Amino acid sequence: MLNLIVLQAADAAQSQSGWSFWIMMILIFVVFYFFMIRPQTKKQKELQKQREAMKKGDKVITAGGIHAIIKEVQDNAFLIEVAKDVVIKVDKGSVYATQEDAQADSYKK
């Protein structure tokens, strides 16, 4: 009889700990989503919008740190001028607007 009571109490404790485990896992996922995943996706979308808005004559910096001016916009790349009569082709994913251009865009909003 005593063994039956102890087993029932252990089963009740296990079922409660099982629920608390899943609740904690859901809470951890929610915290990760709102503090890590969501801000990163918002930042990526903003960066993508900046790249789509770039046009001929904008000052840019490549991922390698090269400062240049956009000479031509293509589908997946930019032709940028790094020095007089020196034009290179770079992927759109490796180009960022300069601070001056980024600040000018924020003042327009």
C-alpha atoms as a PDB file:
ATOM      1  CA  MET A   1       0.000   0.000   0.000  1.00  0.00           C
ATOM      2  CA  LEU A   2       2.801   2.399   0.935  1.00  0.00           C
ATOM      3  CA  ASN A   3       4.647   1.524  -2.278  1.00  0.00           C
ATOM      4  CA  LEU A   4       1.541   2.378  -4.318  1.00  0.00           C
ATOM      5  CA  ILE A   5       1.254   5.829  -2.691  1.00  0.00           C
ATOM      6  CA  VAL A   6       4.956   6.524  -3.259  1.00  0.00           C
ATOM      7  CA  LEU A   7       4.684   5.451  -6.931  1.00  0.00           C
ATOM      8  CA  GLN A   8       1.619   7.664  -7.480  1.00  0.00           C
ATOM      9  CA  ALA A   9       3.413  10.631  -5.930  1.00  0.00           C
ATOM     10  CA  ALA A  10       6.472  10.004  -8.148  1.00  0.00           C
ATOM     11  CA  ASP A  11       4.252   9.817 -11.261  1.00  0.00           C
ATOM     12  CA  ALA A  12       2.595  13.109 -10.340  1.00  0.00           C
ATOM     13  CA  ALA A  13       5.973  14.770  -9.812  1.00  0.00           C
ATOM     14  CA  GLN A  14       7.244  13.429 -13.148  1.00  0.00           C
ATOM     15  CA  SER A  15       4.228  14.704 -15.074  1.00  0.00           C
ATOM     16  CA  GLN A  16       4.627  18.158 -13.485  1.00  0.00           C
ATOM     17  CA  SER A  17       8.339  18.248 -14.249  1.00  0.00           C
ATOM     18  CA  GLY A  18       7.592  17.193 -17.829  1.00  0.00           C
ATOM     19  CA  TRP A  19       5.255  20.142 -18.289  1.00  0.00           C
ATOM     20  CA  SER A  20       7.657  22.557 -16.654  1.00  0.00           C
ATOM     21  CA  PHE A  21      10.432  21.324 -18.959  1.00  0.00           C
ATOM     22  CA  TRP A  22       8.361  22.091 -22.066  1.00  0.00           C
ATOM     23  CA  ILE A  23       7.246  25.449 -20.712  1.00  0.00           C
ATOM     24  CA  MET A  24      10.863  26.398 -20.023  1.00  0.00           C
ATOM     25  CA  MET A  25      11.920  25.260 -23.515  1.00  0.00           C
ATOM     26  CA  ILE A  26       9.184  27.384 -25.104  1.00  0.00           C
ATOM     27  CA  LEU A  27      10.171  30.386 -22.989  1.00  0.00           C
ATOM     28  CA  ILE A  28      13.832  29.984 -23.969  1.00  0.00           C
ATOM     29  CA  PHE A  29      12.856  29.844 -27.655  1.00  0.00           C
ATOM     30  CA  VAL A  30      10.696  32.969 -27.307  1.00  0.00           C
ATOM     31  CA  VAL A  31      13.546  34.852 -25.615  1.00  0.00           C
ATOM     32  CA  PHE A  32      16.011  33.763 -28.323  1.00  0.00           C
ATOM     33  CA  TYR A  33      13.562  34.806 -31.029  1.00  0.00           C
ATOM     34  CA  PHE A  34      12.889  38.299 -29.679  1.00  0.00           C
ATOM     35  CA  PHE A  35      16.431  39.098 -28.564  1.00  0.00           C
ATOM     36  CA  MET A  36      18.548  37.408 -31.258  1.00  0.00           C
ATOM     37  CA  ILE A  37      16.702  36.128 -34.332  1.00  0.00           C
ATOM     38  CA  ARG A  38      14.212  38.942 -34.942  1.00  0.00           C
ATOM     39  CA  PRO A  39      16.702  41.845 -34.630  1.00  0.00           C
ATOM     40  CA  GLN A  40      19.112  40.071 -36.983  1.00  0.00           C
ATOM     41  CA  THR A  41      16.453  39.528 -39.652  1.00  0.00           C
ATOM     42  CA  LYS A  42      15.362  43.168 -39.348  1.00  0.00           C
ATOM     43  CA  LYS A  43      18.975  44.274 -39.793  1.00  0.00           C
ATOM     44  CA  GLN A  44      19.392  42.051 -42.866  1.00  0.00           C
ATOM     45  CA  LYS A  45      16.197  43.428 -44.441  1.00  0.00           C
ATOM     46  CA  GLU A  46      17.351  47.002 -43.818  1.00  0.00           C
ATOM     47  CA  LEU A  47      20.747  46.266 -45.363  1.00  0.00           C
ATOM     48  CA  GLN A  48      19.048  44.678 -48.385  1.00  0.00           C
ATOM     49  CA  LYS A  49      16.856  47.768 -48.829  1.00  0.00           C
ATOM     50  CA  GLN A  50      19.958  49.985 -48.669  1.00  0.00           C
ATOM     51  CA  ARG A  51      21.677  47.921 -51.365  1.00  0.00           C
ATOM     52  CA  GLU A  52      18.615  48.051 -53.617  1.00  0.00           C
ATOM     53  CA  ALA A  53      18.478  51.842 -53.224  1.00  0.00           C
ATOM     54  CA  MET A  54      22.126  52.342 -54.238  1.00  0.00           C
ATOM     55  CA  LYS A  55      22.574  54.147 -57.523  1.00  0.00           C
ATOM     56  CA  LYS A  56      25.278  55.509 -59.776  1.00  0.00           C
ATOM     57  CA  GLY A  57      27.462  58.059 -57.999  1.00  0.00           C
ATOM     58  CA  ASP A  58      26.909  56.744 -54.441  1.00  0.00           C
ATOM     59  CA  LYS A  59      29.965  56.312 -52.250  1.00  0.00           C
ATOM     60  CA  VAL A  60      30.396  52.768 -50.948  1.00  0.00           C
ATOM     61  CA  ILE A  61      32.763  50.597 -48.948  1.00  0.00           C
ATOM     62  CA  THR A  62      33.360  46.964 -49.887  1.00  0.00           C
ATOM     63  CA  ALA A  63      33.617  44.154 -47.358  1.00  0.00           C
ATOM     64  CA  GLY A  64      37.377  44.276 -47.922  1.00  0.00           C
ATOM     65  CA  GLY A  65      37.499  47.933 -46.906  1.00  0.00           C
ATOM     66  CA  ILE A  66      37.883  49.497 -50.357  1.00  0.00           C
ATOM     67  CA  HIS A  67      36.289  52.946 -50.645  1.00  0.00           C
ATOM     68  CA  ALA A  68      34.783  53.583 -54.075  1.00  0.00           C
ATOM     69  CA  ILE A  69      32.053  55.237 -56.120  1.00  0.00           C
ATOM     70  CA  ILE A  70      29.399  53.262 -57.983  1.00  0.00           C
ATOM     71  CA  LYS A  71      29.741  53.619 -61.764  1.00  0.00           C
ATOM     72  CA  GLU A  72      27.141  51.071 -62.883  1.00  0.00           C
ATOM     73  CA  VAL A  73      24.459  48.940 -61.230  1.00  0.00           C
ATOM     74  CA  GLN A  74      23.965  45.420 -62.597  1.00  0.00           C
ATOM     75  CA  ASP A  75      21.639  42.598 -61.531  1.00  0.00           C
ATOM     76  CA  ASN A  76      23.929  40.960 -58.970  1.00  0.00           C
ATOM     77  CA  ALA A  77      26.939  43.248 -58.989  1.00  0.00           C
ATOM     78  CA  PHE A  78      28.195  46.802 -59.003  1.00  0.00           C
ATOM     79  CA  LEU A  79      30.914  48.293 -61.163  1.00  0.00           C
ATOM     80  CA  ILE A  80      32.790  50.600 -58.815  1.00  0.00           C
ATOM     81  CA  GLU A  81      35.587  53.051 -59.443  1.00  0.00           C
ATOM     82  CA  VAL A  82      38.366  52.807 -56.863  1.00  0.00           C
ATOM     83  CA  ALA A  83      40.710  55.297 -58.563  1.00  0.00           C
ATOM     84  CA  LYS A  84      40.647  57.359 -61.723  1.00  0.00           C
ATOM     85  CA  ASP A  85      39.942  54.978 -64.629  1.00  0.00           C
ATOM     86  CA  VAL A  86      40.192  51.904 -62.351  1.00  0.00           C
ATOM     87  CA  VAL A  87      36.835  50.106 -62.332  1.00  0.00           C
ATOM     88  CA  ILE A  88      36.226  46.761 -60.637  1.00  0.00           C
ATOM     89  CA  LYS A  89      33.187  44.506 -60.470  1.00  0.00           C
ATOM     90  CA  VAL A  90      32.017  43.449 -57.001  1.00  0.00           C
ATOM     91  CA  ASP A  91      29.086  41.403 -55.768  1.00  0.00           C
ATOM     92  CA  LYS A  92      26.181  43.377 -54.288  1.00  0.00           C
ATOM     93  CA  GLY A  93      26.440  41.364 -51.069  1.00  0.00           C
ATOM     94  CA  SER A  94      29.871  42.764 -50.308  1.00  0.00           C
ATOM     95  CA  VAL A  95      29.042  46.459 -50.661  1.00  0.00           C
ATOM     96  CA  TYR A  96      27.888  48.819 -47.908  1.00  0.00           C
ATOM     97  CA  ALA A  97      26.872  52.472 -48.020  1.00  0.00           C
ATOM     98  CA  THR A  98      29.355  54.899 -46.491  1.00  0.00           C
ATOM     99  CA  GLN A  99      28.504  56.629 -43.213  1.00  0.00           C
ATOM    100  CA  GLU A 100      27.816  59.934 -44.987  1.00  0.00           C
ATOM    101  CA  ASP A 101      25.324  58.337 -47.384  1.00  0.00           C
ATOM    102  CA  ALA A 102      23.667  56.326 -44.606  1.00  0.00           C
ATOM    103  CA  GLN A 103      23.258  59.439 -42.455  1.00  0.00           C
ATOM    104  CA  ALA A 104      21.911  61.433 -45.403  1.00  0.00           C
ATOM    105  CA  ASP A 105      19.290  58.735 -46.023  1.00  0.00           C
ATOM    106  CA  SER A 106      18.230  58.772 -42.352  1.00  0.00           C
ATOM    107  CA  TYR A 107      17.729  62.554 -42.467  1.00  0.00           C
ATOM    108  CA  LYS A 108      15.438  62.204 -45.493  1.00  0.00           C
ATOM    109  CA  LYS A 109      13.015  59.967 -43.584  1.00  0.00           C
END
